[in-house]
Amino acid sequence: MAVTLAWLILLAPLLPLFILCIIGKKKNTSQADFILLIWLASVFLVTLLNTCEVFRYYRIIPWAIGIAPVLIMVDLGMLFLYGRALLSKPTDLRKPVAMLLACIFFSLVLFSLKVYLQPATVKQSYMEAIYAGRPPLWWSMYESGSIFIVIGTIGYFLYHITKIESKSKNIQPTQLRYFRNFLYMVLVIQLITLFARTLPTHLSQEDAIGLYLFFFSLQLIAICLAGYYGYRQRAIYKENLSHPAPLEEKYMQIFKRLSTQMYEQKLFLDDRLSISQVAILLDENPRYISTSLRLNQVDNFSSYVNRFRVKEVKRLLSHPAYSHWSLLAIAYEAGFSSKTTFNRAFKAIEGMTPSAYKSQKNCKKTAL
């Protein structure tokens, strides 16, 4: 128990706070990043308050009773705003903002009348009843309903992602994958919360605290993973790259020189090509090259090089001299170092597997 208490008091709060800090220092932050910061802070605070309630700290700070349920509605509103900020234009956020304010107002009114305006003894009696397995019906309905609405919101966005992935060609697959993984982590957080509410009430206080700390740890890990995917997240739609930060002349020149070398020297054909080698060739700092790529909406150097390699694979597939070559042989010829890397990069860029692309191309030739 001493170890779990040390984890709770010393280490656990540092993990999500660290995620908040690195997102706060993210370059070229967007509207979605700002919303994500608020969401992370509210989710972490809800988790921490729930854990404090398990330790019966509400007896010391009764004014904190009821804050966690209100923040659940903030969690829901910010989650919805975050998804809309990524999947629609920033000017379309007026209705979601109105919905968020309405949810917070509803929560504040409900808990002001039922909890906040009550004496400290009444508030504590609510909490004692909850942990004795006899929560007020209205409290249980509110909390459970809020969690299921959050899960429904996640399902809505996952369904929306499936639709745009199959219909829209003007998306960035990597960014769409980050958003999907973020939603999965939020779903894990909510499912852990629901499962924790089903714990038997006849456990000893020590056993109950141990289980709650276990679930608290799982939630912290999920929150940190959600923060990681949020940190990597950028605009999903290419047209949603509105109001980009102006490219500095230096980085623009570096990117142009890099692209020129790639086209003219075909550097991508080297399967061991690294950013350090390119930095020596261009006589530039590798960090400057990475920055120039990010400013041009490229995740990393590997993604940049793989674009050229995939384009080369498509060129070779169209060349009669390579018609008898296998896909893997063509991939190696284009600079890929392994079959796994080739398949993953090709699908991320073209939206289909190499074999499906080749079959589609052969069908067109046969039709002609």
Protein backbone atom coordinates (compact mmCIF):
# COMPACT_ATOMS: atom_id res chain seq x y z
CA MET A 1 0.00 0.00 0.00
CA ALA A 2 2.91 2.34 0.76
CA VAL A 3 4.21 1.88 -2.79
CA THR A 4 0.82 2.64 -4.35
CA LEU A 5 0.45 5.73 -2.19
CA ALA A 6 3.90 6.93 -3.28
CA TRP A 7 2.89 6.34 -6.92
CA LEU A 8 -0.31 8.33 -6.41
CA ILE A 9 1.22 11.27 -4.55
CA LEU A 10 4.61 11.66 -6.25
CA LEU A 11 4.75 10.12 -9.71
CA ALA A 12 1.21 9.89 -11.08
CA PRO A 13 0.44 13.64 -11.33
CA LEU A 14 3.74 14.28 -13.13
CA LEU A 15 2.85 12.15 -16.18
CA PRO A 16 -0.18 14.09 -17.47
CA LEU A 17 1.40 17.38 -16.39
CA PHE A 18 4.40 16.52 -18.53
CA ILE A 19 2.10 15.85 -21.49
CA LEU A 20 0.36 19.19 -20.90
CA CYS A 21 3.74 20.97 -20.90
CA ILE A 22 5.01 19.47 -24.14
CA ILE A 23 1.73 20.22 -25.93
CA GLY A 24 1.84 23.76 -24.56
CA LYS A 25 5.32 24.21 -26.05
CA LYS A 26 4.36 22.69 -29.40
CA LYS A 27 5.34 24.89 -32.32
CA ASN A 28 2.64 26.21 -34.63
CA THR A 29 -0.15 25.35 -32.20
CA SER A 30 -3.63 25.32 -33.67
CA GLN A 31 -7.12 25.87 -32.36
CA ALA A 32 -7.42 22.09 -31.87
CA ASP A 33 -4.25 22.03 -29.72
CA PHE A 34 -5.70 24.68 -27.39
CA ILE A 35 -8.92 22.68 -27.02
CA LEU A 36 -6.90 19.52 -26.38
CA LEU A 37 -5.03 21.22 -23.53
CA ILE A 38 -8.32 22.08 -21.80
CA TRP A 39 -9.63 18.55 -22.36
CA LEU A 40 -6.51 16.93 -20.91
CA ALA A 41 -6.60 19.20 -17.87
CA SER A 42 -10.29 18.44 -17.19
CA VAL A 43 -9.89 14.66 -17.64
CA PHE A 44 -6.86 14.55 -15.36
CA LEU A 45 -8.63 16.67 -12.73
CA VAL A 46 -11.72 14.41 -12.81
CA THR A 47 -9.53 11.32 -12.38
CA LEU A 48 -7.58 12.90 -9.52
CA LEU A 49 -10.75 14.12 -7.73
CA ASN A 50 -12.35 10.68 -7.99
CA THR A 51 -9.26 9.11 -6.46
CA CYS A 52 -9.19 11.68 -3.66
CA GLU A 53 -12.80 10.80 -2.91
CA VAL A 54 -11.82 7.14 -2.56
CA PHE A 55 -9.40 8.17 0.20
CA ARG A 56 -12.28 10.02 1.90
CA TYR A 57 -10.53 13.39 1.45
CA TYR A 58 -13.97 14.92 0.85
CA ARG A 59 -14.31 14.98 4.64
CA ILE A 60 -11.49 17.53 4.72
CA ILE A 61 -12.49 19.53 1.63
CA PRO A 62 -16.29 19.18 1.31
CA TRP A 63 -16.37 22.14 -1.09
CA ALA A 64 -14.81 19.87 -3.76
CA ILE A 65 -17.77 17.46 -3.69
CA GLY A 66 -19.62 17.61 -6.99
CA ILE A 67 -16.84 19.20 -9.05
CA ALA A 68 -15.92 15.94 -10.80
CA PRO A 69 -19.44 15.32 -12.24
CA VAL A 70 -19.56 18.88 -13.59
CA LEU A 71 -16.16 18.43 -15.23
CA ILE A 72 -17.48 15.32 -16.99
CA MET A 73 -19.69 17.64 -19.04
CA VAL A 74 -16.69 19.86 -19.74
CA ASP A 75 -14.88 16.70 -20.88
CA LEU A 76 -17.75 15.90 -23.25
CA GLY A 77 -17.91 19.43 -24.64
CA MET A 78 -14.16 19.77 -25.22
CA LEU A 79 -14.01 16.33 -26.84
CA PHE A 80 -16.74 17.36 -29.27
CA LEU A 81 -15.03 20.69 -29.98
CA TYR A 82 -11.69 18.94 -30.56
CA GLY A 83 -13.20 16.58 -33.12
CA ARG A 84 -15.01 19.37 -34.90
CA ALA A 85 -11.87 21.52 -34.96
CA LEU A 86 -10.02 18.71 -36.75
CA LEU A 87 -12.80 17.64 -39.10
CA SER A 88 -14.30 21.00 -40.05
CA LYS A 89 -13.39 24.61 -40.61
CA PRO A 90 -12.66 26.77 -37.53
CA THR A 91 -15.54 29.10 -38.41
CA ASP A 92 -17.96 26.19 -37.95
CA LEU A 93 -17.38 25.98 -34.20
CA ARG A 94 -20.09 28.40 -33.06
CA LYS A 95 -22.75 25.74 -32.57
CA PRO A 96 -20.44 23.31 -30.70
CA VAL A 97 -19.33 26.15 -28.42
CA ALA A 98 -22.96 26.95 -27.69
CA MET A 99 -23.57 23.26 -26.91
CA LEU A 100 -20.59 23.20 -24.54
CA LEU A 101 -21.79 26.29 -22.67
CA ALA A 102 -25.28 24.81 -22.40
CA CYS A 103 -23.89 21.55 -20.96
CA ILE A 104 -21.78 23.39 -18.38
CA PHE A 105 -24.72 25.63 -17.44
CA PHE A 106 -26.99 22.59 -17.02
CA SER A 107 -24.38 20.86 -14.84
CA LEU A 108 -23.77 23.92 -12.69
CA VAL A 109 -27.49 24.51 -12.13
CA LEU A 110 -28.16 20.87 -11.27
CA PHE A 111 -25.30 20.51 -8.82
CA SER A 112 -25.76 23.98 -7.37
CA LEU A 113 -29.30 23.07 -6.39
CA LYS A 114 -28.56 19.52 -5.32
CA VAL A 115 -25.02 19.70 -3.92
CA TYR A 116 -23.21 23.04 -3.71
CA LEU A 117 -25.93 24.87 -1.79
CA GLN A 118 -26.25 22.05 0.77
CA PRO A 119 -24.45 22.09 4.16
CA ALA A 120 -21.14 20.20 4.41
CA THR A 121 -22.77 17.39 6.42
CA VAL A 122 -25.34 16.76 3.66
CA LYS A 123 -22.62 16.72 1.01
CA GLN A 124 -20.62 14.19 3.01
CA SER A 125 -23.72 12.04 3.47
CA TYR A 126 -24.03 11.87 -0.35
CA MET A 127 -20.46 10.61 -0.64
CA GLU A 128 -20.85 8.11 2.22
CA ALA A 129 -23.96 6.72 0.52
CA ILE A 130 -22.14 6.45 -2.82
CA TYR A 131 -19.23 4.45 -1.38
CA ALA A 132 -21.63 2.31 0.64
CA GLY A 133 -23.30 1.26 -2.61
CA ARG A 134 -26.42 3.40 -2.08
CA PRO A 135 -25.88 6.47 -4.33
CA PRO A 136 -28.76 8.91 -4.92
CA LEU A 137 -30.64 7.92 -8.05
CA TRP A 138 -30.29 11.33 -9.70
CA TRP A 139 -26.51 11.32 -9.10
CA SER A 140 -26.06 7.85 -10.64
CA MET A 141 -28.24 8.71 -13.64
CA TYR A 142 -26.33 11.92 -14.27
CA GLU A 143 -22.82 10.37 -14.06
CA SER A 144 -23.70 7.20 -16.00
CA GLY A 145 -25.60 9.17 -18.62
CA SER A 146 -22.68 11.57 -19.08
CA ILE A 147 -20.23 8.71 -19.59
CA PHE A 148 -22.49 7.00 -22.14
CA ILE A 149 -22.92 10.29 -24.01
CA VAL A 150 -19.11 10.63 -24.18
CA ILE A 151 -18.90 7.06 -25.53
CA GLY A 152 -21.60 7.90 -28.06
CA THR A 153 -19.64 10.97 -29.15
CA ILE A 154 -16.57 8.79 -29.69
CA GLY A 155 -18.66 6.39 -31.77
CA TYR A 156 -19.97 9.30 -33.84
CA PHE A 157 -16.45 10.47 -34.69
CA LEU A 158 -15.22 6.94 -35.44
CA TYR A 159 -18.13 6.49 -37.84
CA HIS A 160 -17.42 9.88 -39.39
CA ILE A 161 -13.75 8.92 -39.87
CA THR A 162 -14.78 5.72 -41.68
CA LYS A 163 -16.97 7.73 -44.04
CA ILE A 164 -14.42 10.38 -44.96
CA GLU A 165 -11.68 7.77 -45.27
CA SER A 166 -13.62 5.95 -47.97
CA LYS A 167 -14.97 9.00 -49.80
CA SER A 168 -12.49 11.85 -49.45
CA LYS A 169 -9.16 11.87 -51.25
CA ASN A 170 -8.08 15.20 -49.81
CA ILE A 171 -7.04 13.85 -46.41
CA GLN A 172 -3.76 13.06 -44.71
CA PRO A 173 -3.96 9.34 -43.72
CA THR A 174 -1.33 9.61 -40.99
CA GLN A 175 -3.18 12.45 -39.26
CA LEU A 176 -6.46 10.58 -39.55
CA ARG A 177 -4.80 7.59 -37.85
CA TYR A 178 -3.58 9.77 -34.98
CA PHE A 179 -7.11 11.05 -34.39
CA ARG A 180 -8.54 7.53 -34.47
CA ASN A 181 -5.95 6.33 -31.93
CA PHE A 182 -6.75 9.33 -29.74
CA LEU A 183 -10.44 8.37 -29.75
CA TYR A 184 -9.56 4.78 -28.82
CA MET A 185 -7.64 6.05 -25.79
CA VAL A 186 -10.59 8.23 -24.72
CA LEU A 187 -12.84 5.18 -25.08
CA VAL A 188 -10.49 3.18 -22.85
CA ILE A 189 -10.65 5.94 -20.20
CA GLN A 190 -14.46 5.88 -20.18
CA LEU A 191 -14.67 2.07 -20.12
CA ILE A 192 -12.27 1.93 -17.17
CA THR A 193 -14.48 4.44 -15.35
CA LEU A 194 -17.60 2.38 -16.03
CA PHE A 195 -15.90 -0.85 -14.95
CA ALA A 196 -14.62 0.76 -11.75
CA ARG A 197 -18.23 1.60 -10.81
CA THR A 198 -19.13 -2.10 -10.84
CA LEU A 199 -16.66 -2.98 -8.06
CA PRO A 200 -18.30 -4.79 -5.12
CA THR A 201 -19.06 -2.57 -2.14
CA HIS A 202 -18.35 -5.21 0.53
CA LEU A 203 -14.56 -5.04 0.05
CA SER A 204 -12.38 -3.85 2.89
CA GLN A 205 -11.20 -0.26 2.63
CA GLU A 206 -7.63 -1.39 1.92
CA ASP A 207 -8.71 -3.73 -0.90
CA ALA A 208 -11.03 -1.09 -2.36
CA ILE A 209 -8.29 1.54 -2.32
CA GLY A 210 -5.85 -0.86 -3.99
CA LEU A 211 -8.30 -1.58 -6.81
CA TYR A 212 -9.14 2.08 -7.33
CA LEU A 213 -5.44 2.94 -7.48
CA PHE A 214 -4.98 0.22 -10.09
CA PHE A 215 -7.76 1.69 -12.23
CA PHE A 216 -6.40 5.20 -11.62
CA SER A 217 -3.01 4.06 -12.94
CA LEU A 218 -4.62 2.58 -16.07
CA GLN A 219 -6.50 5.81 -16.67
CA LEU A 220 -3.32 7.87 -16.31
CA ILE A 221 -1.57 5.71 -18.89
CA ALA A 222 -4.52 6.12 -21.28
CA ILE A 223 -4.57 9.90 -20.68
CA CYS A 224 -0.85 10.13 -21.46
CA LEU A 225 -1.26 8.07 -24.65
CA ALA A 226 -4.16 10.29 -25.71
CA GLY A 227 -1.94 13.31 -25.05
CA TYR A 228 0.83 11.77 -27.17
CA TYR A 229 -1.48 11.26 -30.16
CA GLY A 230 -2.82 14.77 -29.65
CA TYR A 231 0.73 16.14 -29.67
CA ARG A 232 1.43 14.43 -33.01
CA GLN A 233 -1.92 15.55 -34.42
CA ARG A 234 -2.12 18.12 -37.20
CA ALA A 235 -4.85 19.05 -39.65
CA ILE A 236 -6.59 16.05 -41.23
CA TYR A 237 -7.94 17.78 -44.33
CA LYS A 238 -5.35 19.36 -46.57
CA GLU A 239 -7.66 22.30 -47.17
CA ASN A 240 -7.95 22.74 -43.40
CA LEU A 241 -4.41 24.03 -43.26
CA SER A 242 -5.87 27.51 -43.08
CA HIS A 243 -3.86 30.40 -41.75
CA PRO A 244 -0.50 28.55 -41.75
CA ALA A 245 2.46 30.17 -40.13
CA PRO A 246 4.48 31.88 -42.87
CA LEU A 247 7.49 29.85 -43.88
CA GLU A 248 10.72 31.49 -42.99
CA GLU A 249 12.85 32.14 -46.02
CA LYS A 250 15.69 30.04 -44.67
CA TYR A 251 13.57 26.94 -44.17
CA MET A 252 11.86 27.44 -47.52
CA GLN A 253 15.24 27.48 -49.24
CA ILE A 254 16.35 24.36 -47.37
CA PHE A 255 13.21 22.52 -48.44
CA LYS A 256 13.65 23.59 -52.08
CA ARG A 257 17.30 22.48 -52.08
CA LEU A 258 16.38 19.18 -50.51
CA SER A 259 13.64 18.54 -53.07
CA THR A 260 15.98 19.44 -55.90
CA GLN A 261 18.59 16.96 -54.68
CA MET A 262 15.95 14.26 -54.32
CA TYR A 263 14.70 14.76 -57.87
CA GLU A 264 18.05 15.24 -59.60
CA GLN A 265 20.33 12.91 -57.63
CA LYS A 266 17.64 10.33 -56.74
CA LEU A 267 18.95 10.12 -53.19
CA PHE A 268 15.91 8.07 -52.17
CA LEU A 269 17.28 5.04 -54.05
CA ASP A 270 19.74 4.53 -51.19
CA ASP A 271 17.90 2.26 -48.74
CA ARG A 272 20.17 3.46 -45.90
CA LEU A 273 19.64 7.16 -46.57
CA SER A 274 19.47 9.17 -43.34
CA ILE A 275 18.82 12.78 -42.47
CA SER A 276 22.44 13.08 -41.31
CA GLN A 277 23.72 12.15 -44.76
CA VAL A 278 21.43 14.69 -46.38
CA ALA A 279 22.50 17.33 -43.84
CA ILE A 280 26.15 16.79 -44.82
CA LEU A 281 25.25 17.01 -48.51
CA LEU A 282 23.32 20.27 -48.02
CA ASP A 283 25.75 21.56 -45.39
CA GLU A 284 22.87 22.20 -43.01
CA ASN A 285 21.94 21.28 -39.45
CA PRO A 286 19.69 18.16 -39.35
CA ARG A 287 17.30 20.02 -37.04
CA TYR A 288 16.83 22.73 -39.68
CA ILE A 289 15.93 20.06 -42.23
CA SER A 290 13.40 18.52 -39.84
CA THR A 291 11.86 21.93 -39.20
CA SER A 292 11.59 22.65 -42.92
CA LEU A 293 9.77 19.35 -43.38
CA ARG A 294 7.33 20.03 -40.54
CA LEU A 295 6.57 23.50 -41.89
CA ASN A 296 5.70 21.85 -45.19
CA GLN A 297 3.29 19.44 -43.47
CA VAL A 298 5.61 16.42 -43.55
CA ASP A 299 5.69 14.33 -40.38
CA ASN A 300 9.33 13.24 -40.56
CA PHE A 301 12.24 12.54 -42.87
CA SER A 302 11.24 8.89 -43.45
CA SER A 303 7.76 9.91 -44.63
CA TYR A 304 9.29 12.48 -46.96
CA VAL A 305 11.70 9.98 -48.55
CA ASN A 306 9.02 7.30 -48.84
CA ARG A 307 6.90 9.65 -50.96
CA PHE A 308 9.64 9.63 -53.60
CA ARG A 309 10.08 5.88 -53.32
CA VAL A 310 6.36 5.21 -53.78
CA LYS A 311 6.33 7.50 -56.79
CA GLU A 312 9.30 5.57 -58.20
CA VAL A 313 7.51 2.25 -57.61
CA LYS A 314 4.51 3.53 -59.57
CA ARG A 315 6.81 4.66 -62.39
CA LEU A 316 8.53 1.28 -62.56
CA LEU A 317 5.20 -0.56 -62.57
CA SER A 318 4.23 1.43 -65.67
CA HIS A 319 7.53 0.68 -67.43
CA PRO A 320 7.43 -2.31 -69.82
CA ALA A 321 10.97 -3.33 -68.88
CA TYR A 322 9.82 -4.11 -65.33
CA SER A 323 6.57 -5.91 -66.20
CA HIS A 324 8.03 -9.31 -65.23
CA TRP A 325 9.48 -8.05 -61.92
CA SER A 326 7.82 -8.89 -58.62
CA LEU A 327 6.45 -6.11 -56.42
CA LEU A 328 9.11 -6.75 -53.79
CA ALA A 329 11.92 -6.56 -56.34
CA ILE A 330 10.55 -3.24 -57.61
CA ALA A 331 10.27 -1.98 -54.03
CA TYR A 332 13.94 -2.79 -53.39
CA GLU A 333 14.84 -1.12 -56.68
CA ALA A 334 13.00 2.03 -55.56
CA GLY A 335 14.97 2.21 -52.31
CA PHE A 336 12.78 0.41 -49.77
CA SER A 337 14.71 -1.73 -47.31
CA SER A 338 11.97 -4.19 -46.30
CA LYS A 339 8.62 -5.55 -47.41
CA THR A 340 6.87 -4.32 -44.24
CA THR A 341 8.09 -0.74 -44.67
CA PHE A 342 7.13 -0.80 -48.34
CA ASN A 343 3.57 -2.04 -47.72
CA ARG A 344 2.96 0.38 -44.85
CA ALA A 345 4.33 3.42 -46.70
CA PHE A 346 2.49 2.60 -49.94
CA LYS A 347 -0.87 2.17 -48.21
CA ALA A 348 -0.40 5.35 -46.15
CA ILE A 349 0.30 7.42 -49.26
CA GLU A 350 -1.93 5.78 -51.89
CA GLY A 351 -4.73 4.52 -49.65
CA MET A 352 -4.41 0.93 -50.90
CA THR A 353 -1.94 -1.94 -50.78
CA PRO A 354 0.70 -2.29 -53.53
CA SER A 355 -0.90 -5.53 -54.79
CA ALA A 356 -4.32 -3.85 -55.01
CA TYR A 357 -2.79 -0.94 -56.92
CA LYS A 358 -1.06 -3.33 -59.33
CA SER A 359 -4.27 -5.31 -59.88
CA GLN A 360 -6.21 -2.10 -60.52
CA LYS A 361 -3.59 -0.98 -63.01
CA ASN A 362 -3.64 -4.34 -64.82
CA CYS A 363 -7.45 -4.22 -65.02
CA LYS A 364 -7.26 -0.80 -66.71
CA LYS A 365 -4.71 -2.11 -69.20
CA THR A 366 -6.91 -5.11 -69.98
CA ALA A 367 -9.95 -2.86 -70.47
CA LEU A 368 -7.99 -0.77 -72.95
